[in-house]
Amino acid sequence: MTTTTEPRWYKSSYSDNGGNCVEIATNLVAPRGVVPVRDSKNLSGPVLTFPAAAFTSFTTSIKAGMIRQA
């Protein structure tokens, strides 16, 4: 099954940190099983696409304090 669903981008409500933000499009998890990520300052720039399970593992690790900001 092919879908033409376009990403619906959004930034976290926690991202008011001087412009160092990313946007994600969770609307593609169900139809494609992926989470696209892009730089919020470069909307026409490259998009990284992660498998939904890997993105969930990443965000769970951040919330648990397992990944620290450099």
PDB file of N, CA and C in Angstrom:
ATOM      1  N   MET A   1       0.843  -1.188   0.000  1.00  0.00           N
ATOM      2  CA  MET A   1       0.000   0.000   0.000  1.00  0.00           C
ATOM      3  C   MET A   1       0.884   1.245   0.000  1.00  0.00           C
ATOM      4  N   THR A   2       0.643   2.124  -0.924  1.00  0.00           N
ATOM      5  CA  THR A   2       1.386   3.377  -1.016  1.00  0.00           C
ATOM      6  C   THR A   2       0.494   4.514  -0.553  1.00  0.00           C
ATOM      7  N   THR A   3       1.098   5.439   0.161  1.00  0.00           N
ATOM      8  CA  THR A   3       0.322   6.595   0.622  1.00  0.00           C
ATOM      9  C   THR A   3       1.053   7.874   0.237  1.00  0.00           C
ATOM     10  N   THR A   4       0.294   8.909  -0.015  1.00  0.00           N
ATOM     11  CA  THR A   4       0.886  10.195  -0.362  1.00  0.00           C
ATOM     12  C   THR A   4       0.767  11.181   0.793  1.00  0.00           C
ATOM     13  N   THR A   5       0.580  10.662   1.989  1.00  0.00           N
ATOM     14  CA  THR A   5       0.452  11.518   3.163  1.00  0.00           C
ATOM     15  C   THR A   5       1.701  12.370   3.334  1.00  0.00           C
ATOM     16  N   GLU A   6       1.494  13.668   3.444  1.00  0.00           N
ATOM     17  CA  GLU A   6       2.605  14.598   3.666  1.00  0.00           C
ATOM     18  C   GLU A   6       2.854  14.753   5.161  1.00  0.00           C
ATOM     19  N   PRO A   7       4.109  15.002   5.549  1.00  0.00           N
ATOM     20  CA  PRO A   7       4.394  15.218   6.970  1.00  0.00           C
ATOM     21  C   PRO A   7       3.675  16.459   7.493  1.00  0.00           C
ATOM     22  N   ARG A   8       3.129  16.347   8.695  1.00  0.00           N
ATOM     23  CA  ARG A   8       2.571  17.502   9.403  1.00  0.00           C
ATOM     24  C   ARG A   8       3.560  17.832  10.518  1.00  0.00           C
ATOM     25  N   TRP A   9       4.374  18.827  10.282  1.00  0.00           N
ATOM     26  CA  TRP A   9       5.490  19.159  11.163  1.00  0.00           C
ATOM     27  C   TRP A   9       5.038  19.908  12.407  1.00  0.00           C
ATOM     28  N   TYR A  10       5.699  19.634  13.535  1.00  0.00           N
ATOM     29  CA  TYR A  10       5.480  20.425  14.740  1.00  0.00           C
ATOM     30  C   TYR A  10       6.714  20.383  15.619  1.00  0.00           C
ATOM     31  N   LYS A  11       6.844  21.427  16.444  1.00  0.00           N
ATOM     32  CA  LYS A  11       7.919  21.515  17.431  1.00  0.00           C
ATOM     33  C   LYS A  11       7.330  21.242  18.805  1.00  0.00           C
ATOM     34  N   SER A  12       8.141  20.693  19.663  1.00  0.00           N
ATOM     35  CA  SER A  12       7.732  20.449  21.036  1.00  0.00           C
ATOM     36  C   SER A  12       7.454  21.768  21.743  1.00  0.00           C
ATOM     37  N   SER A  13       6.560  21.734  22.703  1.00  0.00           N
ATOM     38  CA  SER A  13       6.301  22.921  23.515  1.00  0.00           C
ATOM     39  C   SER A  13       7.499  23.258  24.395  1.00  0.00           C
ATOM     40  N   TYR A  14       8.454  22.350  24.522  1.00  0.00           N
ATOM     41  CA  TYR A  14       9.669  22.568  25.304  1.00  0.00           C
ATOM     42  C   TYR A  14      10.776  23.231  24.489  1.00  0.00           C
ATOM     43  N   SER A  15      10.533  23.555  23.248  1.00  0.00           N
ATOM     44  CA  SER A  15      11.601  23.988  22.351  1.00  0.00           C
ATOM     45  C   SER A  15      11.823  25.494  22.272  1.00  0.00           C
ATOM     46  N   ASP A  16      11.483  26.230  23.286  1.00  0.00           N
ATOM     47  CA  ASP A  16      11.739  27.669  23.305  1.00  0.00           C
ATOM     48  C   ASP A  16      13.130  27.925  23.888  1.00  0.00           C
ATOM     49  N   ASN A  17      14.155  27.499  23.141  1.00  0.00           N
ATOM     50  CA  ASN A  17      15.518  27.575  23.657  1.00  0.00           C
ATOM     51  C   ASN A  17      16.463  28.339  22.734  1.00  0.00           C
ATOM     52  N   GLY A  18      16.005  29.379  22.120  1.00  0.00           N
ATOM     53  CA  GLY A  18      16.886  30.178  21.283  1.00  0.00           C
ATOM     54  C   GLY A  18      17.045  29.691  19.865  1.00  0.00           C
ATOM     55  N   GLY A  19      16.172  28.835  19.387  1.00  0.00           N
ATOM     56  CA  GLY A  19      16.205  28.427  17.997  1.00  0.00           C
ATOM     57  C   GLY A  19      16.907  27.127  17.700  1.00  0.00           C
ATOM     58  N   ASN A  20      17.433  26.449  18.683  1.00  0.00           N
ATOM     59  CA  ASN A  20      18.092  25.163  18.456  1.00  0.00           C
ATOM     60  C   ASN A  20      17.062  24.050  18.574  1.00  0.00           C
ATOM     61  N   CYS A  21      16.192  23.957  17.577  1.00  0.00           N
ATOM     62  CA  CYS A  21      15.053  23.054  17.657  1.00  0.00           C
ATOM     63  C   CYS A  21      14.998  22.124  16.455  1.00  0.00           C
ATOM     64  N   VAL A  22      14.273  21.041  16.653  1.00  0.00           N
ATOM     65  CA  VAL A  22      13.932  20.161  15.548  1.00  0.00           C
ATOM     66  C   VAL A  22      12.412  20.068  15.490  1.00  0.00           C
ATOM     67  N   GLU A  23      11.930  19.682  14.332  1.00  0.00           N
ATOM     68  CA  GLU A  23      10.509  19.423  14.150  1.00  0.00           C
ATOM     69  C   GLU A  23      10.358  17.951  13.792  1.00  0.00           C
ATOM     70  N   ILE A  24       9.246  17.360  14.217  1.00  0.00           N
ATOM     71  CA  ILE A  24       8.960  15.980  13.870  1.00  0.00           C
ATOM     72  C   ILE A  24       7.572  15.892  13.262  1.00  0.00           C
ATOM     73  N   ALA A  25       7.325  14.804  12.557  1.00  0.00           N
ATOM     74  CA  ALA A  25       6.021  14.572  11.941  1.00  0.00           C
ATOM     75  C   ALA A  25       5.532  13.190  12.365  1.00  0.00           C
ATOM     76  N   THR A  26       4.758  13.149  13.439  1.00  0.00           N
ATOM     77  CA  THR A  26       4.287  11.859  13.956  1.00  0.00           C
ATOM     78  C   THR A  26       3.117  11.288  13.158  1.00  0.00           C
ATOM     79  N   ASN A  27       2.558  12.061  12.258  1.00  0.00           N
ATOM     80  CA  ASN A  27       1.430  11.559  11.479  1.00  0.00           C
ATOM     81  C   ASN A  27       1.830  10.450  10.507  1.00  0.00           C
ATOM     82  N   LEU A  28       3.119  10.204  10.333  1.00  0.00           N
ATOM     83  CA  LEU A  28       3.550   9.150   9.412  1.00  0.00           C
ATOM     84  C   LEU A  28       3.854   7.832  10.124  1.00  0.00           C
ATOM     85  N   VAL A  29       3.678   7.788  11.441  1.00  0.00           N
ATOM     86  CA  VAL A  29       3.931   6.544  12.176  1.00  0.00           C
ATOM     87  C   VAL A  29       2.968   5.450  11.712  1.00  0.00           C
ATOM     88  N   ALA A  30       1.685   5.708  11.720  1.00  0.00           N
ATOM     89  CA  ALA A  30       0.715   4.676  11.357  1.00  0.00           C
ATOM     90  C   ALA A  30       0.811   4.246   9.888  1.00  0.00           C
ATOM     91  N   PRO A  31       0.809   5.186   8.932  1.00  0.00           N
ATOM     92  CA  PRO A  31       0.809   4.724   7.540  1.00  0.00           C
ATOM     93  C   PRO A  31       2.159   4.214   7.034  1.00  0.00           C
ATOM     94  N   ARG A  32       3.273   4.698   7.602  1.00  0.00           N
ATOM     95  CA  ARG A  32       4.592   4.322   7.067  1.00  0.00           C
ATOM     96  C   ARG A  32       5.541   3.717   8.093  1.00  0.00           C
ATOM     97  N   GLY A  33       5.235   3.862   9.386  1.00  0.00           N
ATOM     98  CA  GLY A  33       6.099   3.309  10.424  1.00  0.00           C
ATOM     99  C   GLY A  33       7.377   4.094  10.652  1.00  0.00           C
ATOM    100  N   VAL A  34       7.360   5.393  10.301  1.00  0.00           N
ATOM    101  CA  VAL A  34       8.555   6.232  10.434  1.00  0.00           C
ATOM    102  C   VAL A  34       8.231   7.555  11.109  1.00  0.00           C
ATOM    103  N   VAL A  35       9.295   8.191  11.641  1.00  0.00           N
ATOM    104  CA  VAL A  35       9.188   9.535  12.210  1.00  0.00           C
ATOM    105  C   VAL A  35      10.233  10.404  11.510  1.00  0.00           C
ATOM    106  N   PRO A  36       9.814  11.303  10.614  1.00  0.00           N
ATOM    107  CA  PRO A  36      10.733  12.241   9.987  1.00  0.00           C
ATOM    108  C   PRO A  36      11.123  13.352  10.976  1.00  0.00           C
ATOM    109  N   VAL A  37      12.366  13.812  10.893  1.00  0.00           N
ATOM    110  CA  VAL A  37      12.893  14.865  11.758  1.00  0.00           C
ATOM    111  C   VAL A  37      13.635  15.860  10.875  1.00  0.00           C
ATOM    112  N   ARG A  38      13.446  17.161  11.143  1.00  0.00           N
ATOM    113  CA  ARG A  38      14.169  18.190  10.381  1.00  0.00           C
ATOM    114  C   ARG A  38      14.545  19.346  11.301  1.00  0.00           C
ATOM    115  N   ASP A  39      15.484  20.157  10.842  1.00  0.00           N
ATOM    116  CA  ASP A  39      15.926  21.355  11.556  1.00  0.00           C
ATOM    117  C   ASP A  39      14.863  22.431  11.378  1.00  0.00           C
ATOM    118  N   SER A  40      14.393  22.992  12.483  1.00  0.00           N
ATOM    119  CA  SER A  40      13.324  23.992  12.393  1.00  0.00           C
ATOM    120  C   SER A  40      13.786  25.305  11.776  1.00  0.00           C
ATOM    121  N   LYS A  41      15.090  25.518  11.671  1.00  0.00           N
ATOM    122  CA  LYS A  41      15.606  26.747  11.055  1.00  0.00           C
ATOM    123  C   LYS A  41      15.828  26.580   9.555  1.00  0.00           C
ATOM    124  N   ASN A  42      15.773  25.360   9.049  1.00  0.00           N
ATOM    125  CA  ASN A  42      16.043  25.091   7.646  1.00  0.00           C
ATOM    126  C   ASN A  42      14.947  24.175   7.106  1.00  0.00           C
ATOM    127  N   LEU A  43      13.780  24.737   6.888  1.00  0.00           N
ATOM    128  CA  LEU A  43      12.606  23.945   6.521  1.00  0.00           C
ATOM    129  C   LEU A  43      12.737  23.243   5.181  1.00  0.00           C
ATOM    130  N   SER A  44      13.562  23.744   4.301  1.00  0.00           N
ATOM    131  CA  SER A  44      13.740  23.081   3.009  1.00  0.00           C
ATOM    132  C   SER A  44      15.002  22.217   2.989  1.00  0.00           C
ATOM    133  N   GLY A  45      15.637  22.069   4.132  1.00  0.00           N
ATOM    134  CA  GLY A  45      16.852  21.259   4.232  1.00  0.00           C
ATOM    135  C   GLY A  45      16.546  19.772   4.314  1.00  0.00           C
ATOM    136  N   PRO A  46      17.573  18.998   4.619  1.00  0.00           N
ATOM    137  CA  PRO A  46      17.404  17.544   4.652  1.00  0.00           C
ATOM    138  C   PRO A  46      16.485  17.090   5.781  1.00  0.00           C
ATOM    139  N   VAL A  47      15.882  15.939   5.569  1.00  0.00           N
ATOM    140  CA  VAL A  47      15.006  15.311   6.555  1.00  0.00           C
ATOM    141  C   VAL A  47      15.603  13.950   6.893  1.00  0.00           C
ATOM    142  N   LEU A  48      15.757  13.682   8.179  1.00  0.00           N
ATOM    143  CA  LEU A  48      16.177  12.358   8.636  1.00  0.00           C
ATOM    144  C   LEU A  48      14.927  11.573   8.976  1.00  0.00           C
ATOM    145  N   THR A  49      14.855  10.336   8.523  1.00  0.00           N
ATOM    146  CA  THR A  49      13.682   9.514   8.777  1.00  0.00           C
ATOM    147  C   THR A  49      14.110   8.302   9.605  1.00  0.00           C
ATOM    148  N   PHE A  50      13.472   8.151  10.768  1.00  0.00           N
ATOM    149  CA  PHE A  50      13.805   7.077  11.699  1.00  0.00           C
ATOM    150  C   PHE A  50      12.657   6.079  11.788  1.00  0.00           C
ATOM    151  N   PRO A  51      12.966   4.796  11.943  1.00  0.00           N
ATOM    152  CA  PRO A  51      11.890   3.845  12.233  1.00  0.00           C
ATOM    153  C   PRO A  51      11.202   4.262  13.530  1.00  0.00           C
ATOM    154  N   ALA A  52       9.889   4.128  13.584  1.00  0.00           N
ATOM    155  CA  ALA A  52       9.125   4.584  14.744  1.00  0.00           C
ATOM    156  C   ALA A  52       9.626   3.962  16.038  1.00  0.00           C
ATOM    157  N   ALA A  53       9.953   2.689  16.032  1.00  0.00           N
ATOM    158  CA  ALA A  53      10.433   2.022  17.249  1.00  0.00           C
ATOM    159  C   ALA A  53      11.754   2.612  17.721  1.00  0.00           C
ATOM    160  N   ALA A  54      12.643   2.940  16.808  1.00  0.00           N
ATOM    161  CA  ALA A  54      13.936   3.535  17.177  1.00  0.00           C
ATOM    162  C   ALA A  54      13.731   4.931  17.759  1.00  0.00           C
ATOM    163  N   PHE A  55      12.832   5.711  17.184  1.00  0.00           N
ATOM    164  CA  PHE A  55      12.564   7.054  17.698  1.00  0.00           C
ATOM    165  C   PHE A  55      11.945   6.980  19.088  1.00  0.00           C
ATOM    166  N   THR A  56      11.037   6.053  19.293  1.00  0.00           N
ATOM    167  CA  THR A  56      10.435   5.868  20.608  1.00  0.00           C
ATOM    168  C   THR A  56      11.489   5.485  21.636  1.00  0.00           C
ATOM    169  N   SER A  57      12.392   4.588  21.271  1.00  0.00           N
ATOM    170  CA  SER A  57      13.470   4.188  22.177  1.00  0.00           C
ATOM    171  C   SER A  57      14.362   5.378  22.523  1.00  0.00           C
ATOM    172  N   PHE A  58      14.669   6.202  21.546  1.00  0.00           N
ATOM    173  CA  PHE A  58      15.495   7.392  21.748  1.00  0.00           C
ATOM    174  C   PHE A  58      14.826   8.361  22.723  1.00  0.00           C
ATOM    175  N   THR A  59      13.559   8.686  22.483  1.00  0.00           N
ATOM    176  CA  THR A  59      12.880   9.645  23.358  1.00  0.00           C
ATOM    177  C   THR A  59      12.661   9.076  24.760  1.00  0.00           C
ATOM    178  N   THR A  60      12.415   7.785  24.866  1.00  0.00           N
ATOM    179  CA  THR A  60      12.285   7.147  26.182  1.00  0.00           C
ATOM    180  C   THR A  60      13.595   7.238  26.951  1.00  0.00           C
ATOM    181  N   SER A  61      14.718   7.048  26.266  1.00  0.00           N
ATOM    182  CA  SER A  61      16.032   7.146  26.895  1.00  0.00           C
ATOM    183  C   SER A  61      16.326   8.570  27.371  1.00  0.00           C
ATOM    184  N   ILE A  62      15.927   9.546  26.597  1.00  0.00           N
ATOM    185  CA  ILE A  62      16.106  10.948  27.010  1.00  0.00           C
ATOM    186  C   ILE A  62      15.303  11.220  28.270  1.00  0.00           C
ATOM    187  N   LYS A  63      14.051  10.824  28.269  1.00  0.00           N
ATOM    188  CA  LYS A  63      13.177  11.060  29.424  1.00  0.00           C
ATOM    189  C   LYS A  63      13.700  10.365  30.678  1.00  0.00           C
ATOM    190  N   ALA A  64      14.361   9.228  30.510  1.00  0.00           N
ATOM    191  CA  ALA A  64      14.895   8.471  31.641  1.00  0.00           C
ATOM    192  C   ALA A  64      16.252   9.001  32.101  1.00  0.00           C
ATOM    193  N   GLY A  65      16.774  10.011  31.385  1.00  0.00           N
ATOM    194  CA  GLY A  65      18.063  10.592  31.750  1.00  0.00           C
ATOM    195  C   GLY A  65      19.261   9.797  31.284  1.00  0.00           C
ATOM    196  N   MET A  66      19.042   8.865  30.375  1.00  0.00           N
ATOM    197  CA  MET A  66      20.125   8.020  29.873  1.00  0.00           C
ATOM    198  C   MET A  66      20.963   8.724  28.811  1.00  0.00           C
ATOM    199  N   ILE A  67      20.418   9.761  28.185  1.00  0.00           N
ATOM    200  CA  ILE A  67      21.128  10.533  27.164  1.00  0.00           C
ATOM    201  C   ILE A  67      21.199  11.955  27.673  1.00  0.00           C
ATOM    202  N   ARG A  68      22.385  12.493  27.711  1.00  0.00           N
ATOM    203  CA  ARG A  68      22.579  13.854  28.232  1.00  0.00           C
ATOM    204  C   ARG A  68      22.997  14.788  27.115  1.00  0.00           C
ATOM    205  N   GLN A  69      22.635  16.057  27.261  1.00  0.00           N
ATOM    206  CA  GLN A  69      23.014  17.068  26.286  1.00  0.00           C
ATOM    207  C   GLN A  69      24.504  17.336  26.402  1.00  0.00           C
ATOM    208  N   ALA A  70      25.161  17.468  25.263  1.00  0.00           N
ATOM    209  CA  ALA A  70      26.602  17.725  25.245  1.00  0.00           C
ATOM    210  C   ALA A  70      26.932  19.161  25.579  1.00  0.00           C
TER     211      ALA A  70
END
